[in-house]
Amino acid sequence: MAAISLVPTPIGNLKDITLRALEVLQSADLIVAEDTRTTGILLKHYEIDKPLSSLHMHNEHRAVPKLLDRIQADDMHVAVVSDAGTPGISDPGFLLVREAIAREVPIDPLPGATAFVPALVGSGLPCDRFIFEGFLPQKKGRQTRILALVDEPRTMVFYESPHRLEKALTQFMEHFGADRQAAVVREISKLHQDYVRGTLEELVQHFAQHKAKGEIVMVVGGKPGK
C-alpha cells in the first residue's frame, strides 16, 4: 500500500534514533533524504541498505509531484528524513505532506528527535506555554518579525546560525529589554553541548567574548505580566 513515513533522525548523537525509526528505515522501499550523503552516514552506521532519493529546499517544488506519482504508481512505502531532527520542522517535508494529504496518500509521522524540545525544557524558562518561531528572516522582514513579538507573553524559541547569533541577541535586547531572561543552547546531544543562561544583556556580553560554533537554539522568556 502506498504510504509515507516521516522519520526523525538524530540531531547529534546517533544513539538517539528510536527502534521504531530503524524498523521503518529498514522496511521502506525508498528513503527520501534532504542530503543523501548525510543520511548515508546514518544508514551505514546501522547497516541499512536502501535506495535513496533527494528532496531538499531547492528541488522540492518540482520533485514532490514526481515523487508522489511514483509512490502511487508503484504502491511504495517511502521513509522521509531530513539531515537531523523531524522533517517539516525548519526542514523540507511540509510540501510533501500537504500534497500527499490532498492525494489521500497515508502519512505516518513518527515521534522522535527535534532540537527545540531539549533546548526549551533545559532553558529554565516556562515551557507550559511557548511558541516556536524557527529561523528569523535574514534580511527582509526580520525587524517586523521581532517587533511583532515584543508583547508576546509566552516563551519564544528560535533557531539561529552561529554568525548571526550576536546580531539576534542584540536585536532582542533592544526590543525586549536588557533584563529579559534567555538561554542559548548549542550542539544539543553532541560532545560539546552547552547551555548559557542569563539576561539578554549578559548573553550579548558573553558571546561578544566567546564566539559561538555549531547548531544553536535561542530560548527567550515572554513579556512578564503586570
N, C-alpha and C. Protein backbone atom coordinates (compact mmCIF):
# COMPACT_ATOMS: atom_id res chain seq x y z
N MET A 1 0.84 -1.20 0.00
CA MET A 1 0.00 0.00 0.00
C MET A 1 0.87 1.25 0.00
N ALA A 2 0.54 2.21 -0.83
CA ALA A 2 1.29 3.46 -0.88
C ALA A 2 1.18 4.19 0.45
N ALA A 3 2.30 4.63 1.00
CA ALA A 3 2.30 5.33 2.29
C ALA A 3 3.61 6.05 2.46
N ILE A 4 3.58 7.10 3.30
CA ILE A 4 4.77 7.88 3.61
C ILE A 4 4.96 7.93 5.12
N SER A 5 6.15 7.57 5.58
CA SER A 5 6.51 7.70 6.99
C SER A 5 7.50 8.85 7.13
N LEU A 6 7.23 9.76 8.06
CA LEU A 6 8.15 10.85 8.37
C LEU A 6 8.99 10.40 9.55
N VAL A 7 10.28 10.25 9.33
CA VAL A 7 11.16 9.60 10.30
C VAL A 7 12.16 10.60 10.89
N PRO A 8 12.03 10.97 12.15
CA PRO A 8 13.03 11.84 12.78
C PRO A 8 14.37 11.12 12.90
N THR A 9 15.44 11.85 12.67
CA THR A 9 16.78 11.29 12.80
C THR A 9 17.56 12.07 13.85
N PRO A 10 18.62 11.49 14.41
CA PRO A 10 19.36 12.14 15.50
C PRO A 10 19.86 13.53 15.12
N ILE A 11 19.83 14.44 16.10
CA ILE A 11 20.35 15.79 15.88
C ILE A 11 21.83 15.88 16.27
N GLY A 12 22.38 14.81 16.77
CA GLY A 12 23.78 14.78 17.16
C GLY A 12 24.22 13.36 17.43
N ASN A 13 23.84 12.87 18.58
CA ASN A 13 24.22 11.52 19.00
C ASN A 13 23.42 10.48 18.22
N LEU A 14 24.10 9.61 17.48
CA LEU A 14 23.42 8.63 16.65
C LEU A 14 22.58 7.64 17.46
N LYS A 15 22.85 7.53 18.76
CA LYS A 15 22.07 6.61 19.59
C LYS A 15 20.67 7.13 19.89
N ASP A 16 20.40 8.38 19.53
CA ASP A 16 19.09 8.96 19.83
C ASP A 16 18.00 8.54 18.86
N ILE A 17 18.31 7.76 17.86
CA ILE A 17 17.27 7.27 16.96
C ILE A 17 16.43 6.20 17.67
N THR A 18 15.14 6.13 17.36
CA THR A 18 14.28 5.17 18.04
C THR A 18 14.33 3.81 17.32
N LEU A 19 13.96 2.77 18.08
CA LEU A 19 13.89 1.43 17.49
C LEU A 19 12.87 1.39 16.35
N ARG A 20 11.76 2.09 16.54
CA ARG A 20 10.73 2.11 15.50
C ARG A 20 11.24 2.80 14.24
N ALA A 21 12.00 3.90 14.42
CA ALA A 21 12.56 4.58 13.25
C ALA A 21 13.47 3.65 12.46
N LEU A 22 14.29 2.88 13.15
CA LEU A 22 15.17 1.93 12.47
C LEU A 22 14.37 0.87 11.73
N GLU A 23 13.28 0.39 12.35
CA GLU A 23 12.43 -0.61 11.69
C GLU A 23 11.82 -0.05 10.41
N VAL A 24 11.37 1.20 10.47
CA VAL A 24 10.75 1.81 9.29
C VAL A 24 11.78 2.01 8.19
N LEU A 25 12.96 2.50 8.54
CA LEU A 25 14.01 2.69 7.53
C LEU A 25 14.41 1.36 6.89
N GLN A 26 14.42 0.32 7.70
CA GLN A 26 14.80 -1.00 7.18
C GLN A 26 13.74 -1.59 6.27
N SER A 27 12.49 -1.27 6.51
CA SER A 27 11.40 -1.89 5.75
C SER A 27 10.94 -1.05 4.56
N ALA A 28 11.34 0.23 4.48
CA ALA A 28 10.86 1.11 3.42
C ALA A 28 11.37 0.67 2.05
N ASP A 29 10.57 0.94 1.03
CA ASP A 29 11.00 0.66 -0.34
C ASP A 29 12.00 1.71 -0.82
N LEU A 30 11.87 2.91 -0.29
CA LEU A 30 12.73 4.03 -0.70
C LEU A 30 12.88 4.99 0.47
N ILE A 31 14.08 5.54 0.65
CA ILE A 31 14.32 6.56 1.67
C ILE A 31 14.56 7.89 0.96
N VAL A 32 13.74 8.87 1.26
CA VAL A 32 13.86 10.20 0.67
C VAL A 32 14.57 11.09 1.67
N ALA A 33 15.71 11.66 1.28
CA ALA A 33 16.58 12.37 2.22
C ALA A 33 16.84 13.80 1.77
N GLU A 34 17.04 14.68 2.75
CA GLU A 34 17.42 16.06 2.45
C GLU A 34 18.78 16.10 1.77
N ASP A 35 19.73 15.36 2.31
CA ASP A 35 21.06 15.22 1.72
C ASP A 35 21.43 13.74 1.80
N THR A 36 21.53 13.09 0.68
CA THR A 36 21.75 11.64 0.67
C THR A 36 23.11 11.28 1.28
N ARG A 37 24.07 12.20 1.22
CA ARG A 37 25.38 11.91 1.81
C ARG A 37 25.29 11.87 3.32
N THR A 38 24.58 12.84 3.90
CA THR A 38 24.41 12.87 5.36
C THR A 38 23.62 11.65 5.83
N THR A 39 22.53 11.36 5.16
CA THR A 39 21.71 10.20 5.54
C THR A 39 22.48 8.91 5.32
N GLY A 40 23.34 8.90 4.31
CA GLY A 40 24.13 7.70 4.05
C GLY A 40 25.02 7.32 5.22
N ILE A 41 25.53 8.32 5.94
CA ILE A 41 26.37 8.05 7.12
C ILE A 41 25.55 7.34 8.19
N LEU A 42 24.32 7.83 8.42
CA LEU A 42 23.44 7.20 9.42
C LEU A 42 23.08 5.78 9.01
N LEU A 43 22.71 5.59 7.76
CA LEU A 43 22.32 4.26 7.28
C LEU A 43 23.48 3.27 7.36
N LYS A 44 24.67 3.74 7.01
CA LYS A 44 25.84 2.87 7.09
C LYS A 44 26.12 2.45 8.53
N HIS A 45 25.94 3.40 9.47
CA HIS A 45 26.18 3.11 10.88
C HIS A 45 25.27 1.98 11.36
N TYR A 46 24.03 1.98 10.87
CA TYR A 46 23.06 0.96 11.31
C TYR A 46 22.90 -0.16 10.29
N GLU A 47 23.80 -0.22 9.33
CA GLU A 47 23.84 -1.30 8.33
C GLU A 47 22.51 -1.44 7.60
N ILE A 48 21.98 -0.31 7.17
CA ILE A 48 20.74 -0.29 6.40
C ILE A 48 21.09 0.05 4.95
N ASP A 49 20.69 -0.80 4.04
CA ASP A 49 21.00 -0.62 2.63
C ASP A 49 19.69 -0.49 1.85
N LYS A 50 19.33 0.75 1.53
CA LYS A 50 18.09 1.03 0.83
C LYS A 50 18.32 2.08 -0.26
N PRO A 51 17.51 2.07 -1.32
CA PRO A 51 17.63 3.12 -2.33
C PRO A 51 17.36 4.49 -1.73
N LEU A 52 18.08 5.50 -2.21
CA LEU A 52 17.94 6.86 -1.70
C LEU A 52 17.52 7.81 -2.83
N SER A 53 16.69 8.78 -2.45
CA SER A 53 16.31 9.85 -3.36
C SER A 53 16.42 11.17 -2.61
N SER A 54 16.63 12.26 -3.34
CA SER A 54 16.88 13.55 -2.71
C SER A 54 15.64 14.45 -2.76
N LEU A 55 15.35 15.09 -1.63
CA LEU A 55 14.27 16.09 -1.55
C LEU A 55 14.75 17.20 -0.62
N HIS A 56 15.03 18.38 -1.19
CA HIS A 56 15.54 19.48 -0.39
C HIS A 56 14.88 20.78 -0.83
N MET A 57 15.22 21.87 -0.15
CA MET A 57 14.53 23.14 -0.37
C MET A 57 14.68 23.67 -1.79
N HIS A 58 15.71 23.24 -2.49
CA HIS A 58 15.96 23.75 -3.84
C HIS A 58 15.23 22.96 -4.93
N ASN A 59 14.76 21.75 -4.60
CA ASN A 59 14.11 20.95 -5.64
C ASN A 59 12.71 20.47 -5.28
N GLU A 60 12.23 20.77 -4.06
CA GLU A 60 11.00 20.12 -3.59
C GLU A 60 9.76 20.51 -4.40
N HIS A 61 9.71 21.74 -4.93
CA HIS A 61 8.52 22.15 -5.68
C HIS A 61 8.35 21.30 -6.94
N ARG A 62 9.43 20.98 -7.61
CA ARG A 62 9.32 20.16 -8.81
C ARG A 62 9.41 18.66 -8.49
N ALA A 63 10.05 18.30 -7.38
CA ALA A 63 10.26 16.89 -7.06
C ALA A 63 9.05 16.24 -6.42
N VAL A 64 8.28 16.99 -5.63
CA VAL A 64 7.15 16.41 -4.88
C VAL A 64 6.13 15.75 -5.80
N PRO A 65 5.64 16.40 -6.85
CA PRO A 65 4.64 15.73 -7.71
C PRO A 65 5.18 14.45 -8.33
N LYS A 66 6.43 14.48 -8.80
CA LYS A 66 7.02 13.29 -9.41
C LYS A 66 7.17 12.16 -8.40
N LEU A 67 7.58 12.52 -7.18
CA LEU A 67 7.73 11.52 -6.14
C LEU A 67 6.40 10.87 -5.79
N LEU A 68 5.35 11.68 -5.65
CA LEU A 68 4.04 11.14 -5.32
C LEU A 68 3.48 10.30 -6.46
N ASP A 69 3.73 10.71 -7.69
CA ASP A 69 3.32 9.88 -8.84
C ASP A 69 3.95 8.50 -8.75
N ARG A 70 5.23 8.49 -8.41
CA ARG A 70 5.96 7.21 -8.31
C ARG A 70 5.44 6.37 -7.15
N ILE A 71 5.21 7.02 -6.01
CA ILE A 71 4.71 6.30 -4.83
C ILE A 71 3.37 5.64 -5.14
N GLN A 72 2.48 6.38 -5.79
CA GLN A 72 1.15 5.85 -6.08
C GLN A 72 1.18 4.80 -7.19
N ALA A 73 1.98 5.04 -8.22
CA ALA A 73 2.04 4.10 -9.34
C ALA A 73 2.63 2.76 -8.93
N ASP A 74 3.67 2.80 -8.08
CA ASP A 74 4.37 1.57 -7.69
C ASP A 74 3.94 1.05 -6.32
N ASP A 75 2.93 1.71 -5.71
CA ASP A 75 2.43 1.26 -4.40
C ASP A 75 3.56 1.16 -3.38
N MET A 76 4.33 2.24 -3.24
CA MET A 76 5.54 2.21 -2.43
C MET A 76 5.31 2.73 -1.02
N HIS A 77 6.08 2.17 -0.08
CA HIS A 77 6.19 2.73 1.26
C HIS A 77 7.51 3.51 1.31
N VAL A 78 7.41 4.82 1.51
CA VAL A 78 8.59 5.69 1.48
C VAL A 78 8.84 6.27 2.87
N ALA A 79 10.09 6.25 3.30
CA ALA A 79 10.50 6.90 4.54
C ALA A 79 11.16 8.22 4.19
N VAL A 80 10.71 9.31 4.82
CA VAL A 80 11.26 10.64 4.56
C VAL A 80 12.06 11.10 5.77
N VAL A 81 13.29 11.54 5.53
CA VAL A 81 14.15 12.03 6.61
C VAL A 81 14.76 13.37 6.20
N SER A 82 15.11 14.16 7.19
CA SER A 82 15.92 15.36 6.95
C SER A 82 17.33 15.08 7.45
N ASP A 83 18.22 16.06 7.34
CA ASP A 83 19.60 15.83 7.79
C ASP A 83 19.65 15.52 9.27
N ALA A 84 18.78 16.16 10.06
CA ALA A 84 18.74 15.93 11.50
C ALA A 84 17.40 16.45 12.02
N GLY A 85 16.82 15.71 12.96
CA GLY A 85 15.56 16.14 13.52
C GLY A 85 14.37 15.64 12.75
N THR A 86 13.25 16.34 12.88
CA THR A 86 11.98 15.91 12.32
C THR A 86 11.68 16.61 11.00
N PRO A 87 11.41 15.88 9.94
CA PRO A 87 11.07 16.50 8.66
C PRO A 87 9.90 17.46 8.80
N GLY A 88 10.03 18.63 8.20
CA GLY A 88 8.97 19.63 8.26
C GLY A 88 9.20 20.70 9.31
N ILE A 89 10.03 20.42 10.31
CA ILE A 89 10.35 21.41 11.35
C ILE A 89 11.62 22.14 10.94
N SER A 90 11.44 23.30 10.30
CA SER A 90 12.56 24.07 9.74
C SER A 90 13.40 23.23 8.78
N ASP A 91 12.79 22.24 8.17
CA ASP A 91 13.43 21.35 7.20
C ASP A 91 12.40 21.01 6.12
N PRO A 92 12.84 20.51 4.97
CA PRO A 92 11.89 20.09 3.95
C PRO A 92 10.94 19.01 4.48
N GLY A 93 9.74 18.99 3.94
CA GLY A 93 8.76 17.97 4.35
C GLY A 93 7.33 18.46 4.26
N PHE A 94 7.12 19.74 4.56
CA PHE A 94 5.75 20.27 4.59
C PHE A 94 5.05 20.16 3.24
N LEU A 95 5.73 20.53 2.16
CA LEU A 95 5.10 20.49 0.84
C LEU A 95 4.70 19.07 0.46
N LEU A 96 5.55 18.12 0.79
CA LEU A 96 5.24 16.71 0.50
C LEU A 96 4.02 16.26 1.30
N VAL A 97 3.99 16.59 2.58
CA VAL A 97 2.87 16.19 3.43
C VAL A 97 1.57 16.81 2.91
N ARG A 98 1.59 18.09 2.59
CA ARG A 98 0.38 18.76 2.13
C ARG A 98 -0.17 18.13 0.85
N GLU A 99 0.73 17.86 -0.10
CA GLU A 99 0.29 17.29 -1.37
C GLU A 99 -0.15 15.83 -1.19
N ALA A 100 0.54 15.10 -0.31
CA ALA A 100 0.16 13.71 -0.06
C ALA A 100 -1.23 13.63 0.55
N ILE A 101 -1.53 14.52 1.47
CA ILE A 101 -2.86 14.56 2.08
C ILE A 101 -3.91 14.87 1.02
N ALA A 102 -3.60 15.80 0.12
CA ALA A 102 -4.53 16.15 -0.95
C ALA A 102 -4.81 14.96 -1.86
N ARG A 103 -3.80 14.10 -2.01
CA ARG A 103 -3.96 12.91 -2.86
C ARG A 103 -4.44 11.70 -2.07
N GLU A 104 -4.66 11.89 -0.78
CA GLU A 104 -5.12 10.81 0.11
C GLU A 104 -4.10 9.68 0.24
N VAL A 105 -2.83 10.05 0.17
CA VAL A 105 -1.75 9.10 0.47
C VAL A 105 -1.53 9.11 1.98
N PRO A 106 -1.62 7.97 2.66
CA PRO A 106 -1.47 7.95 4.12
C PRO A 106 -0.12 8.49 4.59
N ILE A 107 -0.16 9.28 5.65
CA ILE A 107 1.04 9.87 6.26
C ILE A 107 1.18 9.33 7.68
N ASP A 108 2.37 8.89 8.04
CA ASP A 108 2.62 8.38 9.39
C ASP A 108 3.83 9.12 9.98
N PRO A 109 3.60 10.20 10.75
CA PRO A 109 4.72 10.92 11.38
C PRO A 109 5.17 10.19 12.65
N LEU A 110 6.41 9.76 12.68
CA LEU A 110 6.94 9.10 13.87
C LEU A 110 7.41 10.15 14.88
N PRO A 111 7.24 9.88 16.17
CA PRO A 111 7.82 10.77 17.18
C PRO A 111 9.32 10.56 17.25
N GLY A 112 10.03 11.62 17.66
CA GLY A 112 11.48 11.48 17.77
C GLY A 112 12.17 12.80 17.94
N ALA A 113 13.43 12.82 17.58
CA ALA A 113 14.31 13.94 17.87
C ALA A 113 13.90 15.23 17.16
N THR A 114 13.95 16.33 17.90
CA THR A 114 13.87 17.67 17.34
C THR A 114 14.58 18.60 18.32
N ALA A 115 15.30 19.58 17.83
CA ALA A 115 16.22 20.34 18.67
C ALA A 115 15.53 21.23 19.69
N PHE A 116 14.36 21.80 19.35
CA PHE A 116 13.82 22.83 20.23
C PHE A 116 13.28 22.28 21.54
N VAL A 117 12.89 21.02 21.60
CA VAL A 117 12.33 20.47 22.83
C VAL A 117 13.37 20.39 23.95
N PRO A 118 14.53 19.73 23.75
CA PRO A 118 15.52 19.73 24.84
C PRO A 118 16.04 21.12 25.18
N ALA A 119 16.13 22.00 24.17
CA ALA A 119 16.56 23.37 24.45
C ALA A 119 15.56 24.07 25.36
N LEU A 120 14.30 23.91 25.07
CA LEU A 120 13.24 24.56 25.85
C LEU A 120 13.19 24.04 27.27
N VAL A 121 13.14 22.73 27.44
CA VAL A 121 12.98 22.17 28.79
C VAL A 121 14.23 22.35 29.63
N GLY A 122 15.39 22.52 28.99
CA GLY A 122 16.63 22.73 29.74
C GLY A 122 16.98 24.19 29.95
N SER A 123 16.17 25.09 29.41
CA SER A 123 16.48 26.52 29.49
C SER A 123 16.22 27.10 30.87
N GLY A 124 15.32 26.47 31.62
CA GLY A 124 14.92 27.04 32.90
C GLY A 124 13.81 28.06 32.77
N LEU A 125 13.32 28.27 31.55
CA LEU A 125 12.22 29.20 31.30
C LEU A 125 10.91 28.42 31.23
N PRO A 126 9.77 29.09 31.47
CA PRO A 126 8.48 28.37 31.46
C PRO A 126 8.26 27.64 30.13
N CYS A 127 7.88 26.38 30.21
CA CYS A 127 7.66 25.61 28.99
C CYS A 127 6.26 25.02 28.92
N ASP A 128 5.36 25.51 29.81
CA ASP A 128 3.98 25.04 29.73
C ASP A 128 3.25 25.68 28.55
N ARG A 129 3.66 26.89 28.17
CA ARG A 129 3.13 27.58 27.01
C ARG A 129 4.30 28.24 26.28
N PHE A 130 4.42 27.97 25.00
CA PHE A 130 5.55 28.54 24.25
C PHE A 130 5.17 28.64 22.78
N ILE A 131 5.98 29.42 22.04
CA ILE A 131 5.82 29.49 20.59
C ILE A 131 7.16 29.16 19.93
N PHE A 132 7.09 28.47 18.82
CA PHE A 132 8.28 28.11 18.06
C PHE A 132 8.33 28.99 16.82
N GLU A 133 9.37 29.81 16.69
CA GLU A 133 9.49 30.76 15.59
C GLU A 133 10.46 30.30 14.50
N GLY A 134 11.19 29.22 14.75
CA GLY A 134 12.15 28.76 13.75
C GLY A 134 13.23 29.81 13.48
N PHE A 135 13.67 29.91 12.23
CA PHE A 135 14.69 30.89 11.85
C PHE A 135 14.05 32.25 11.57
N LEU A 136 14.64 33.31 12.10
CA LEU A 136 14.23 34.65 11.73
C LEU A 136 14.64 34.92 10.28
N PRO A 137 13.90 35.78 9.57
CA PRO A 137 14.36 36.19 8.23
C PRO A 137 15.75 36.79 8.32
N GLN A 138 16.59 36.51 7.35
CA GLN A 138 17.96 37.03 7.40
C GLN A 138 18.00 38.54 7.17
N LYS A 139 17.15 39.04 6.28
CA LYS A 139 17.16 40.47 5.96
C LYS A 139 15.75 41.02 5.96
N LYS A 140 15.07 40.93 4.83
CA LYS A 140 13.74 41.50 4.69
C LYS A 140 12.75 40.83 5.64
N GLY A 141 12.07 41.64 6.43
CA GLY A 141 11.07 41.12 7.35
C GLY A 141 11.58 40.77 8.74
N ARG A 142 12.89 40.84 8.94
CA ARG A 142 13.46 40.46 10.23
C ARG A 142 12.98 41.39 11.35
N GLN A 143 13.11 42.70 11.12
CA GLN A 143 12.71 43.68 12.11
C GLN A 143 11.22 43.59 12.40
N THR A 144 10.43 43.42 11.36
CA THR A 144 8.97 43.32 11.51
C THR A 144 8.60 42.11 12.36
N ARG A 145 9.29 41.00 12.14
CA ARG A 145 9.03 39.77 12.89
C ARG A 145 9.34 39.97 14.37
N ILE A 146 10.46 40.60 14.67
CA ILE A 146 10.85 40.82 16.06
C ILE A 146 9.87 41.78 16.74
N LEU A 147 9.50 42.86 16.07
CA LEU A 147 8.56 43.82 16.65
C LEU A 147 7.21 43.19 16.94
N ALA A 148 6.81 42.23 16.13
CA ALA A 148 5.53 41.56 16.34
C ALA A 148 5.53 40.70 17.61
N LEU A 149 6.73 40.43 18.15
CA LEU A 149 6.86 39.56 19.32
C LEU A 149 7.13 40.34 20.61
N VAL A 150 7.18 41.65 20.53
CA VAL A 150 7.53 42.46 21.69
C VAL A 150 6.61 42.21 22.88
N ASP A 151 5.33 42.03 22.64
CA ASP A 151 4.37 41.84 23.74
C ASP A 151 3.98 40.37 23.92
N GLU A 152 4.70 39.46 23.29
CA GLU A 152 4.39 38.03 23.40
C GLU A 152 4.64 37.55 24.84
N PRO A 153 3.62 37.00 25.52
CA PRO A 153 3.81 36.58 26.91
C PRO A 153 4.40 35.17 27.06
N ARG A 154 4.35 34.39 25.99
CA ARG A 154 4.84 33.01 26.08
C ARG A 154 6.34 32.93 25.79
N THR A 155 6.97 31.89 26.28
CA THR A 155 8.38 31.65 25.97
C THR A 155 8.53 31.46 24.46
N MET A 156 9.59 32.04 23.91
CA MET A 156 9.82 32.01 22.46
C MET A 156 11.07 31.19 22.13
N VAL A 157 10.96 30.38 21.09
CA VAL A 157 12.07 29.52 20.69
C VAL A 157 12.45 29.82 19.25
N PHE A 158 13.75 30.02 19.04
CA PHE A 158 14.27 30.36 17.71
C PHE A 158 15.45 29.46 17.36
N TYR A 159 15.64 29.21 16.08
CA TYR A 159 16.88 28.64 15.58
C TYR A 159 17.72 29.79 15.00
N GLU A 160 19.03 29.67 15.10
CA GLU A 160 19.90 30.71 14.53
C GLU A 160 21.25 30.12 14.17
N SER A 161 21.89 30.74 13.19
CA SER A 161 23.24 30.31 12.80
C SER A 161 24.25 31.01 13.71
N PRO A 162 25.44 30.41 13.89
CA PRO A 162 26.43 31.00 14.79
C PRO A 162 26.84 32.42 14.42
N HIS A 163 26.98 32.71 13.12
CA HIS A 163 27.47 34.03 12.73
C HIS A 163 26.40 35.11 12.83
N ARG A 164 25.15 34.74 13.07
CA ARG A 164 24.10 35.74 13.28
C ARG A 164 23.61 35.78 14.72
N LEU A 165 24.22 34.99 15.60
CA LEU A 165 23.75 34.91 16.98
C LEU A 165 23.86 36.24 17.71
N GLU A 166 25.03 36.90 17.63
CA GLU A 166 25.20 38.17 18.34
C GLU A 166 24.21 39.22 17.84
N LYS A 167 23.99 39.26 16.54
CA LYS A 167 23.04 40.20 15.97
C LYS A 167 21.64 39.95 16.52
N ALA A 168 21.24 38.69 16.55
CA ALA A 168 19.90 38.35 17.05
C ALA A 168 19.75 38.73 18.52
N LEU A 169 20.72 38.38 19.34
CA LEU A 169 20.64 38.69 20.77
C LEU A 169 20.61 40.20 21.01
N THR A 170 21.40 40.94 20.23
CA THR A 170 21.41 42.40 20.36
C THR A 170 20.06 42.99 19.97
N GLN A 171 19.47 42.49 18.89
CA GLN A 171 18.15 42.97 18.48
C GLN A 171 17.09 42.63 19.53
N PHE A 172 17.18 41.44 20.08
CA PHE A 172 16.24 41.07 21.16
C PHE A 172 16.39 42.00 22.35
N MET A 173 17.63 42.27 22.73
CA MET A 173 17.89 43.14 23.87
C MET A 173 17.31 44.54 23.63
N GLU A 174 17.47 45.04 22.42
CA GLU A 174 16.98 46.38 22.10
C GLU A 174 15.45 46.47 22.17
N HIS A 175 14.76 45.40 21.77
CA HIS A 175 13.31 45.45 21.66
C HIS A 175 12.58 44.79 22.84
N PHE A 176 13.19 43.78 23.43
CA PHE A 176 12.55 43.06 24.55
C PHE A 176 13.00 43.58 25.91
N GLY A 177 14.16 44.25 25.93
CA GLY A 177 14.71 44.75 27.18
C GLY A 177 15.94 43.98 27.60
N ALA A 178 16.91 44.69 28.18
CA ALA A 178 18.19 44.09 28.55
C ALA A 178 18.05 43.03 29.63
N ASP A 179 17.01 43.15 30.47
CA ASP A 179 16.88 42.23 31.61
C ASP A 179 15.98 41.03 31.31
N ARG A 180 15.55 40.87 30.05
CA ARG A 180 14.71 39.71 29.71
C ARG A 180 15.55 38.43 29.81
N GLN A 181 15.01 37.42 30.49
CA GLN A 181 15.73 36.16 30.66
C GLN A 181 15.74 35.36 29.35
N ALA A 182 16.86 34.68 29.11
CA ALA A 182 17.00 33.91 27.88
C ALA A 182 18.05 32.81 28.08
N ALA A 183 18.14 31.94 27.09
CA ALA A 183 19.17 30.90 27.09
C ALA A 183 19.59 30.63 25.66
N VAL A 184 20.86 30.37 25.49
CA VAL A 184 21.40 29.94 24.20
C VAL A 184 21.93 28.53 24.38
N VAL A 185 21.43 27.63 23.54
CA VAL A 185 21.78 26.21 23.67
C VAL A 185 22.51 25.78 22.39
N ARG A 186 23.68 25.20 22.58
CA ARG A 186 24.49 24.80 21.43
C ARG A 186 24.73 23.30 21.41
N GLU A 187 24.80 22.77 20.20
CA GLU A 187 25.28 21.40 19.97
C GLU A 187 24.53 20.37 20.83
N ILE A 188 23.21 20.41 20.80
CA ILE A 188 22.39 19.51 21.62
C ILE A 188 22.71 18.06 21.29
N SER A 189 22.95 17.29 22.34
CA SER A 189 23.24 15.85 22.32
C SER A 189 24.64 15.52 21.80
N LYS A 190 25.42 16.54 21.44
CA LYS A 190 26.77 16.30 20.93
C LYS A 190 27.80 16.44 22.05
N LEU A 191 29.04 16.21 21.72
CA LEU A 191 30.12 16.21 22.71
C LEU A 191 30.24 17.55 23.43
N HIS A 192 30.06 18.66 22.70
CA HIS A 192 30.24 19.99 23.28
C HIS A 192 28.91 20.69 23.56
N GLN A 193 27.90 19.93 23.94
CA GLN A 193 26.61 20.53 24.30
C GLN A 193 26.80 21.57 25.39
N ASP A 194 26.10 22.71 25.24
CA ASP A 194 26.34 23.82 26.15
C ASP A 194 25.08 24.65 26.31
N TYR A 195 24.72 24.95 27.57
CA TYR A 195 23.61 25.85 27.88
C TYR A 195 24.19 27.11 28.51
N VAL A 196 23.90 28.26 27.94
CA VAL A 196 24.30 29.54 28.53
C VAL A 196 23.02 30.29 28.87
N ARG A 197 22.79 30.58 30.16
CA ARG A 197 21.55 31.19 30.61
C ARG A 197 21.84 32.54 31.26
N GLY A 198 20.89 33.46 31.18
CA GLY A 198 21.06 34.76 31.82
C GLY A 198 20.14 35.77 31.18
N THR A 199 20.38 37.05 31.46
CA THR A 199 19.61 38.10 30.80
C THR A 199 20.14 38.26 29.37
N LEU A 200 19.36 38.92 28.54
CA LEU A 200 19.83 39.18 27.17
C LEU A 200 21.11 39.99 27.17
N GLU A 201 21.22 40.94 28.08
CA GLU A 201 22.45 41.73 28.16
C GLU A 201 23.64 40.85 28.51
N GLU A 202 23.46 39.94 29.46
CA GLU A 202 24.55 39.04 29.85
C GLU A 202 24.93 38.12 28.70
N LEU A 203 23.96 37.67 27.93
CA LEU A 203 24.25 36.78 26.81
C LEU A 203 24.98 37.53 25.70
N VAL A 204 24.58 38.76 25.44
CA VAL A 204 25.28 39.57 24.44
C VAL A 204 26.74 39.73 24.84
N GLN A 205 26.99 40.05 26.11
CA GLN A 205 28.36 40.23 26.59
C GLN A 205 29.14 38.92 26.50
N HIS A 206 28.49 37.82 26.85
CA HIS A 206 29.17 36.51 26.83
C HIS A 206 29.62 36.14 25.42
N PHE A 207 28.71 36.28 24.45
CA PHE A 207 29.05 35.82 23.10
C PHE A 207 29.87 36.85 22.32
N ALA A 208 30.00 38.05 22.86
CA ALA A 208 30.95 39.00 22.29
C ALA A 208 32.38 38.55 22.60
N GLN A 209 32.54 37.83 23.71
CA GLN A 209 33.86 37.35 24.14
C GLN A 209 34.10 35.90 23.76
N HIS A 210 33.02 35.13 23.59
CA HIS A 210 33.15 33.71 23.27
C HIS A 210 32.35 33.43 21.99
N LYS A 211 33.02 33.38 20.87
CA LYS A 211 32.35 33.20 19.59
C LYS A 211 31.68 31.82 19.54
N ALA A 212 30.42 31.82 19.14
CA ALA A 212 29.64 30.58 19.13
C ALA A 212 29.96 29.74 17.90
N LYS A 213 29.89 28.44 18.08
CA LYS A 213 30.05 27.50 16.97
C LYS A 213 28.94 26.45 17.07
N GLY A 214 28.65 25.81 15.96
CA GLY A 214 27.72 24.69 15.97
C GLY A 214 26.26 25.08 15.80
N GLU A 215 25.39 24.10 15.99
CA GLU A 215 23.94 24.30 15.88
C GLU A 215 23.42 25.02 17.13
N ILE A 216 22.54 26.01 16.91
CA ILE A 216 22.12 26.87 18.02
C ILE A 216 20.61 26.99 18.11
N VAL A 217 20.11 26.93 19.35
CA VAL A 217 18.71 27.24 19.65
C VAL A 217 18.71 28.37 20.68
N MET A 218 17.91 29.41 20.42
CA MET A 218 17.74 30.50 21.38
C MET A 218 16.36 30.38 22.02
N VAL A 219 16.31 30.50 23.33
CA VAL A 219 15.06 30.46 24.07
C VAL A 219 14.95 31.78 24.85
N VAL A 220 13.86 32.51 24.60
CA VAL A 220 13.70 33.84 25.19
C VAL A 220 12.40 33.88 25.99
N GLY A 221 12.50 34.36 27.22
CA GLY A 221 11.31 34.47 28.06
C GLY A 221 10.29 35.42 27.47
N GLY A 222 9.02 35.16 27.72
CA GLY A 222 7.97 36.04 27.26
C GLY A 222 7.91 37.32 28.08
N LYS A 223 7.11 38.26 27.63
CA LYS A 223 6.96 39.53 28.34
C LYS A 223 6.31 39.26 29.69
N PRO A 224 6.94 39.70 30.78
CA PRO A 224 6.37 39.45 32.11
C PRO A 224 5.01 40.14 32.27
N GLY A 225 4.12 39.49 33.02
CA GLY A 225 2.83 40.08 33.30
C GLY A 225 2.98 41.20 34.33
N LYS A 226 1.95 42.01 34.43
CA LYS A 226 1.99 43.12 35.39
C LYS A 226 1.92 42.59 36.81
